[in-house]
């Protein structure tokens, strides 16, 4: 009788363990499917976003996030067919002006806190970090600039980015192995 009871206990334990493994597998499959639908994981290429993002850093891009000023935007560059990441400065229909390193959008001064250190080192040397410009962003287009303004290939050199080129908004980054081990 005790052997029969121990058999049933063992059978129930194995059955519950199988249920748990199946449930975990289904949850994992659902997570993978949702990530494929709502997110992508491109790798930063180049140095146009230093020091915010470094070359070969991987980021999490959410496809259906709201596009707002100063968010990092992933888009497909038609010239190279690669995913690029730049900062959103101008929305469709806005007038964007830079004068003496001061950003104005539709006549209102905007502060770019993410550029404070870079801009300060340039101004101490008597240089301008962002060259003067004034543009009106066309409908269904966006003005994207790199944080490493003197070296970035962005909307100033390749033109505005069309709405259909945008993949999504970058929210999280995964540091490179070199950054993690400190070399």
C-alpha atoms as a PDB file:
ATOM      1  CA  UNK A   1       0.000   0.000   0.000  1.00  0.00           C
ATOM      2  CA  UNK A   2       2.795   2.435   0.849  1.00  0.00           C
ATOM      3  CA  UNK A   3       4.451   1.646  -2.458  1.00  0.00           C
ATOM      4  CA  UNK A   4       1.233   2.500  -4.262  1.00  0.00           C
ATOM      5  CA  UNK A   5       0.934   5.815  -2.375  1.00  0.00           C
ATOM      6  CA  UNK A   6       4.535   6.748  -3.077  1.00  0.00           C
ATOM      7  CA  UNK A   7       3.982   5.904  -6.754  1.00  0.00           C
ATOM      8  CA  UNK A   8       0.999   8.286  -6.937  1.00  0.00           C
ATOM      9  CA  UNK A   9       2.872  11.033  -5.080  1.00  0.00           C
ATOM     10  CA  UNK A  10       5.800  10.692  -7.453  1.00  0.00           C
ATOM     11  CA  UNK A  11       3.426  10.603 -10.436  1.00  0.00           C
ATOM     12  CA  UNK A  12       1.704  13.824  -9.224  1.00  0.00           C
ATOM     13  CA  UNK A  13       5.051  15.527  -8.681  1.00  0.00           C
ATOM     14  CA  UNK A  14       6.243  14.581 -12.174  1.00  0.00           C
ATOM     15  CA  UNK A  15       2.927  15.708 -13.647  1.00  0.00           C
ATOM     16  CA  UNK A  16       3.166  19.099 -11.886  1.00  0.00           C
ATOM     17  CA  UNK A  17       6.769  19.495 -12.969  1.00  0.00           C
ATOM     18  CA  UNK A  18       5.753  18.819 -16.581  1.00  0.00           C
ATOM     19  CA  UNK A  19       2.928  21.364 -16.265  1.00  0.00           C
ATOM     20  CA  UNK A  20       5.374  23.938 -14.914  1.00  0.00           C
ATOM     21  CA  UNK A  21       7.873  23.347 -17.730  1.00  0.00           C
ATOM     22  CA  UNK A  22       5.119  23.583 -20.368  1.00  0.00           C
ATOM     23  CA  UNK A  23       3.746  26.788 -18.809  1.00  0.00           C
ATOM     24  CA  UNK A  24       7.222  28.358 -18.677  1.00  0.00           C
ATOM     25  CA  UNK A  25       7.822  27.367 -22.299  1.00  0.00           C
ATOM     26  CA  UNK A  26       4.535  28.957 -23.386  1.00  0.00           C
ATOM     27  CA  UNK A  27       5.292  32.171 -21.461  1.00  0.00           C
ATOM     28  CA  UNK A  28       8.765  32.317 -23.000  1.00  0.00           C
ATOM     29  CA  UNK A  29       7.335  31.762 -26.497  1.00  0.00           C
ATOM     30  CA  UNK A  30       4.770  34.522 -25.908  1.00  0.00           C
ATOM     31  CA  UNK A  31       7.500  36.920 -24.749  1.00  0.00           C
ATOM     32  CA  UNK A  32       9.591  36.166 -27.845  1.00  0.00           C
ATOM     33  CA  UNK A  33       6.596  36.725 -30.142  1.00  0.00           C
ATOM     34  CA  UNK A  34       5.686  40.011 -28.428  1.00  0.00           C
ATOM     35  CA  UNK A  35       9.285  41.243 -28.629  1.00  0.00           C
ATOM     36  CA  UNK A  36       9.352  40.463 -32.349  1.00  0.00           C
ATOM     37  CA  UNK A  37       6.176  42.469 -32.850  1.00  0.00           C
ATOM     38  CA  UNK A  38       6.853  45.446 -30.572  1.00  0.00           C
ATOM     39  CA  UNK A  39      10.648  45.713 -30.307  1.00  0.00           C
ATOM     40  CA  UNK A  40      13.915  45.315 -32.140  1.00  0.00           C
ATOM     41  CA  UNK A  41      17.535  45.242 -30.975  1.00  0.00           C
ATOM     42  CA  UNK A  42      19.818  47.129 -33.397  1.00  0.00           C
ATOM     43  CA  UNK A  43      23.496  47.795 -32.813  1.00  0.00           C
ATOM     44  CA  UNK A  44      24.805  51.357 -32.842  1.00  0.00           C
ATOM     45  CA  UNK A  45      27.216  51.887 -35.734  1.00  0.00           C
ATOM     46  CA  UNK A  46      29.632  54.791 -35.789  1.00  0.00           C
ATOM     47  CA  UNK A  47      30.488  57.615 -33.437  1.00  0.00           C
ATOM     48  CA  UNK A  48      27.790  60.193 -34.214  1.00  0.00           C
ATOM     49  CA  UNK A  49      25.986  59.636 -30.895  1.00  0.00           C
ATOM     50  CA  UNK A  50      29.012  59.699 -28.553  1.00  0.00           C
ATOM     51  CA  UNK A  51      28.928  59.995 -25.549  1.00  0.00           C
ATOM     52  CA  UNK A  52      25.260  58.940 -25.297  1.00  0.00           C
ATOM     53  CA  UNK A  53      25.715  55.749 -27.325  1.00  0.00           C
ATOM     54  CA  UNK A  54      28.995  54.187 -28.315  1.00  0.00           C
ATOM     55  CA  UNK A  55      29.988  52.216 -31.384  1.00  0.00           C
ATOM     56  CA  UNK A  56      28.677  48.619 -31.280  1.00  0.00           C
ATOM     57  CA  UNK A  57      26.345  49.178 -28.307  1.00  0.00           C
ATOM     58  CA  UNK A  58      23.056  47.322 -28.653  1.00  0.00           C
ATOM     59  CA  UNK A  59      19.800  49.116 -27.832  1.00  0.00           C
ATOM     60  CA  UNK A  60      16.161  48.136 -27.306  1.00  0.00           C
ATOM     61  CA  UNK A  61      13.920  49.972 -29.769  1.00  0.00           C
ATOM     62  CA  UNK A  62      10.173  50.019 -29.195  1.00  0.00           C
ATOM     63  CA  UNK A  63       8.373  50.160 -32.526  1.00  0.00           C
ATOM     64  CA  UNK A  64       5.139  51.896 -31.544  1.00  0.00           C
ATOM     65  CA  UNK A  65       6.416  54.494 -29.053  1.00  0.00           C
ATOM     66  CA  UNK A  66       5.465  58.146 -29.317  1.00  0.00           C
ATOM     67  CA  UNK A  67       7.913  60.359 -31.219  1.00  0.00           C
ATOM     68  CA  UNK A  68       8.825  63.382 -29.063  1.00  0.00           C
ATOM     69  CA  UNK A  69      11.630  65.932 -28.969  1.00  0.00           C
ATOM     70  CA  UNK A  70      15.029  64.666 -27.835  1.00  0.00           C
ATOM     71  CA  UNK A  71      14.177  60.956 -27.939  1.00  0.00           C
ATOM     72  CA  UNK A  72      16.633  58.606 -29.623  1.00  0.00           C
ATOM     73  CA  UNK A  73      15.151  57.391 -32.900  1.00  0.00           C
ATOM     74  CA  UNK A  74      16.129  54.285 -34.848  1.00  0.00           C
ATOM     75  CA  UNK A  75      15.570  54.521 -38.595  1.00  0.00           C
ATOM     76  CA  UNK A  76      16.611  52.723 -41.758  1.00  0.00           C
ATOM     77  CA  UNK A  77      19.154  54.719 -43.743  1.00  0.00           C
ATOM     78  CA  UNK A  78      18.273  54.158 -47.399  1.00  0.00           C
ATOM     79  CA  UNK A  79      21.787  54.998 -48.558  1.00  0.00           C
ATOM     80  CA  UNK A  80      23.378  52.135 -46.622  1.00  0.00           C
ATOM     81  CA  UNK A  81      20.303  49.997 -45.793  1.00  0.00           C
ATOM     82  CA  UNK A  82      21.482  49.972 -42.162  1.00  0.00           C
ATOM     83  CA  UNK A  83      19.712  50.930 -38.960  1.00  0.00           C
ATOM     84  CA  UNK A  84      20.963  54.250 -37.609  1.00  0.00           C
ATOM     85  CA  UNK A  85      20.184  55.944 -34.295  1.00  0.00           C
ATOM     86  CA  UNK A  86      19.988  59.727 -33.902  1.00  0.00           C
ATOM     87  CA  UNK A  87      18.233  62.240 -31.656  1.00  0.00           C
ATOM     88  CA  UNK A  88      14.882  63.721 -32.679  1.00  0.00           C
ATOM     89  CA  UNK A  89      15.124  67.520 -32.771  1.00  0.00           C
ATOM     90  CA  UNK A  90      12.388  68.676 -35.154  1.00  0.00           C
ATOM     91  CA  UNK A  91       8.873  67.351 -35.753  1.00  0.00           C
ATOM     92  CA  UNK A  92       6.876  67.853 -38.985  1.00  0.00           C
ATOM     93  CA  UNK A  93       5.912  71.497 -39.569  1.00  0.00           C
ATOM     94  CA  UNK A  94       8.275  72.957 -36.956  1.00  0.00           C
ATOM     95  CA  UNK A  95      10.799  75.724 -37.555  1.00  0.00           C
ATOM     96  CA  UNK A  96      14.130  74.712 -36.030  1.00  0.00           C
ATOM     97  CA  UNK A  97      16.874  77.291 -35.577  1.00  0.00           C
ATOM     98  CA  UNK A  98      20.366  77.087 -34.112  1.00  0.00           C
ATOM     99  CA  UNK A  99      22.213  80.335 -33.368  1.00  0.00           C
ATOM    100  CA  UNK A 100      25.389  80.403 -31.286  1.00  0.00           C
ATOM    101  CA  UNK A 101      24.696  76.888 -29.991  1.00  0.00           C
ATOM    102  CA  UNK A 102      21.184  77.799 -28.817  1.00  0.00           C
ATOM    103  CA  UNK A 103      18.314  75.646 -30.114  1.00  0.00           C
ATOM    104  CA  UNK A 104      15.009  77.330 -30.855  1.00  0.00           C
ATOM    105  CA  UNK A 105      11.912  75.411 -31.943  1.00  0.00           C
ATOM    106  CA  UNK A 106       9.096  77.573 -33.277  1.00  0.00           C
ATOM    107  CA  UNK A 107      10.738  80.611 -31.660  1.00  0.00           C
ATOM    108  CA  UNK A 108      11.063  79.082 -28.181  1.00  0.00           C
ATOM    109  CA  UNK A 109      14.456  78.397 -26.609  1.00  0.00           C
ATOM    110  CA  UNK A 110      15.034  74.725 -25.780  1.00  0.00           C
ATOM    111  CA  UNK A 111      17.723  73.331 -23.492  1.00  0.00           C
ATOM    112  CA  UNK A 112      19.704  70.305 -24.668  1.00  0.00           C
ATOM    113  CA  UNK A 113      20.990  69.016 -21.311  1.00  0.00           C
ATOM    114  CA  UNK A 114      22.498  65.944 -22.953  1.00  0.00           C
ATOM    115  CA  UNK A 115      25.007  68.216 -24.764  1.00  0.00           C
ATOM    116  CA  UNK A 116      26.090  70.302 -21.753  1.00  0.00           C
ATOM    117  CA  UNK A 117      29.596  68.851 -21.247  1.00  0.00           C
ATOM    118  CA  UNK A 118      30.447  68.566 -24.940  1.00  0.00           C
ATOM    119  CA  UNK A 119      29.212  72.084 -25.657  1.00  0.00           C
ATOM    120  CA  UNK A 120      31.146  73.495 -22.695  1.00  0.00           C
ATOM    121  CA  UNK A 121      34.468  72.018 -23.825  1.00  0.00           C
ATOM    122  CA  UNK A 122      33.909  73.425 -27.319  1.00  0.00           C
ATOM    123  CA  UNK A 123      32.934  76.896 -26.097  1.00  0.00           C
ATOM    124  CA  UNK A 124      36.043  77.037 -23.867  1.00  0.00           C
ATOM    125  CA  UNK A 125      38.061  76.498 -27.048  1.00  0.00           C
ATOM    126  CA  UNK A 126      36.116  79.258 -28.808  1.00  0.00           C
ATOM    127  CA  UNK A 127      34.309  76.835 -31.121  1.00  0.00           C
ATOM    128  CA  UNK A 128      30.623  76.298 -31.867  1.00  0.00           C
ATOM    129  CA  UNK A 129      29.337  72.801 -31.162  1.00  0.00           C
ATOM    130  CA  UNK A 130      26.300  72.997 -33.482  1.00  0.00           C
ATOM    131  CA  UNK A 131      26.657  75.128 -36.578  1.00  0.00           C
ATOM    132  CA  UNK A 132      24.048  77.845 -37.137  1.00  0.00           C
ATOM    133  CA  UNK A 133      21.067  76.818 -39.237  1.00  0.00           C
ATOM    134  CA  UNK A 134      17.385  77.483 -39.751  1.00  0.00           C
ATOM    135  CA  UNK A 135      15.033  74.917 -41.322  1.00  0.00           C
ATOM    136  CA  UNK A 136      11.344  74.204 -41.611  1.00  0.00           C
ATOM    137  CA  UNK A 137      10.691  70.487 -41.221  1.00  0.00           C
ATOM    138  CA  UNK A 138       8.415  69.296 -44.060  1.00  0.00           C
ATOM    139  CA  UNK A 139       5.251  67.246 -43.468  1.00  0.00           C
ATOM    140  CA  UNK A 140       5.911  63.546 -42.754  1.00  0.00           C
ATOM    141  CA  UNK A 141       9.627  64.248 -42.139  1.00  0.00           C
ATOM    142  CA  UNK A 142      11.801  64.615 -39.034  1.00  0.00           C
ATOM    143  CA  UNK A 143      15.000  66.483 -38.219  1.00  0.00           C
ATOM    144  CA  UNK A 144      17.422  64.063 -36.534  1.00  0.00           C
ATOM    145  CA  UNK A 145      20.851  65.095 -35.234  1.00  0.00           C
ATOM    146  CA  UNK A 146      23.698  63.173 -33.643  1.00  0.00           C
ATOM    147  CA  UNK A 147      24.901  64.099 -30.159  1.00  0.00           C
ATOM    148  CA  UNK A 148      28.480  64.243 -31.433  1.00  0.00           C
ATOM    149  CA  UNK A 149      27.533  67.211 -33.617  1.00  0.00           C
ATOM    150  CA  UNK A 150      30.914  68.078 -35.158  1.00  0.00           C
ATOM    151  CA  UNK A 151      31.316  64.527 -36.511  1.00  0.00           C
ATOM    152  CA  UNK A 152      27.778  63.170 -36.902  1.00  0.00           C
ATOM    153  CA  UNK A 153      26.289  62.305 -40.274  1.00  0.00           C
ATOM    154  CA  UNK A 154      22.711  63.408 -39.720  1.00  0.00           C
ATOM    155  CA  UNK A 155      19.865  65.480 -41.209  1.00  0.00           C
ATOM    156  CA  UNK A 156      22.220  68.417 -41.775  1.00  0.00           C
ATOM    157  CA  UNK A 157      24.173  66.422 -44.348  1.00  0.00           C
ATOM    158  CA  UNK A 158      21.744  63.770 -45.659  1.00  0.00           C
ATOM    159  CA  UNK A 159      18.432  65.601 -45.352  1.00  0.00           C
ATOM    160  CA  UNK A 160      15.316  65.061 -43.290  1.00  0.00           C
ATOM    161  CA  UNK A 161      14.240  61.542 -42.396  1.00  0.00           C
ATOM    162  CA  UNK A 162      10.899  60.408 -43.780  1.00  0.00           C
ATOM    163  CA  UNK A 163       8.255  59.033 -41.456  1.00  0.00           C
ATOM    164  CA  UNK A 164       8.265  55.632 -43.190  1.00  0.00           C
ATOM    165  CA  UNK A 165      12.001  55.205 -42.494  1.00  0.00           C
ATOM    166  CA  UNK A 166      11.508  55.359 -38.720  1.00  0.00           C
ATOM    167  CA  UNK A 167      11.591  52.045 -36.872  1.00  0.00           C
ATOM    168  CA  UNK A 168      10.947  53.277 -33.331  1.00  0.00           C
ATOM    169  CA  UNK A 169      12.314  54.872 -30.173  1.00  0.00           C
ATOM    170  CA  UNK A 170      15.433  53.599 -28.404  1.00  0.00           C
ATOM    171  CA  UNK A 171      14.823  53.182 -24.681  1.00  0.00           C
ATOM    172  CA  UNK A 172      17.483  50.918 -23.183  1.00  0.00           C
ATOM    173  CA  UNK A 173      21.040  50.116 -24.074  1.00  0.00           C
ATOM    174  CA  UNK A 174      23.209  47.113 -23.430  1.00  0.00           C
ATOM    175  CA  UNK A 175      26.813  48.152 -22.878  1.00  0.00           C
ATOM    176  CA  UNK A 176      29.548  46.438 -24.820  1.00  0.00           C
ATOM    177  CA  UNK A 177      31.651  43.769 -23.136  1.00  0.00           C
ATOM    178  CA  UNK A 178      34.617  46.160 -23.112  1.00  0.00           C
ATOM    179  CA  UNK A 179      32.575  48.747 -21.221  1.00  0.00           C
ATOM    180  CA  UNK A 180      31.518  46.133 -18.675  1.00  0.00           C
ATOM    181  CA  UNK A 181      35.070  44.942 -17.926  1.00  0.00           C
ATOM    182  CA  UNK A 182      36.441  48.479 -17.966  1.00  0.00           C
ATOM    183  CA  UNK A 183      38.975  48.385 -20.786  1.00  0.00           C
END
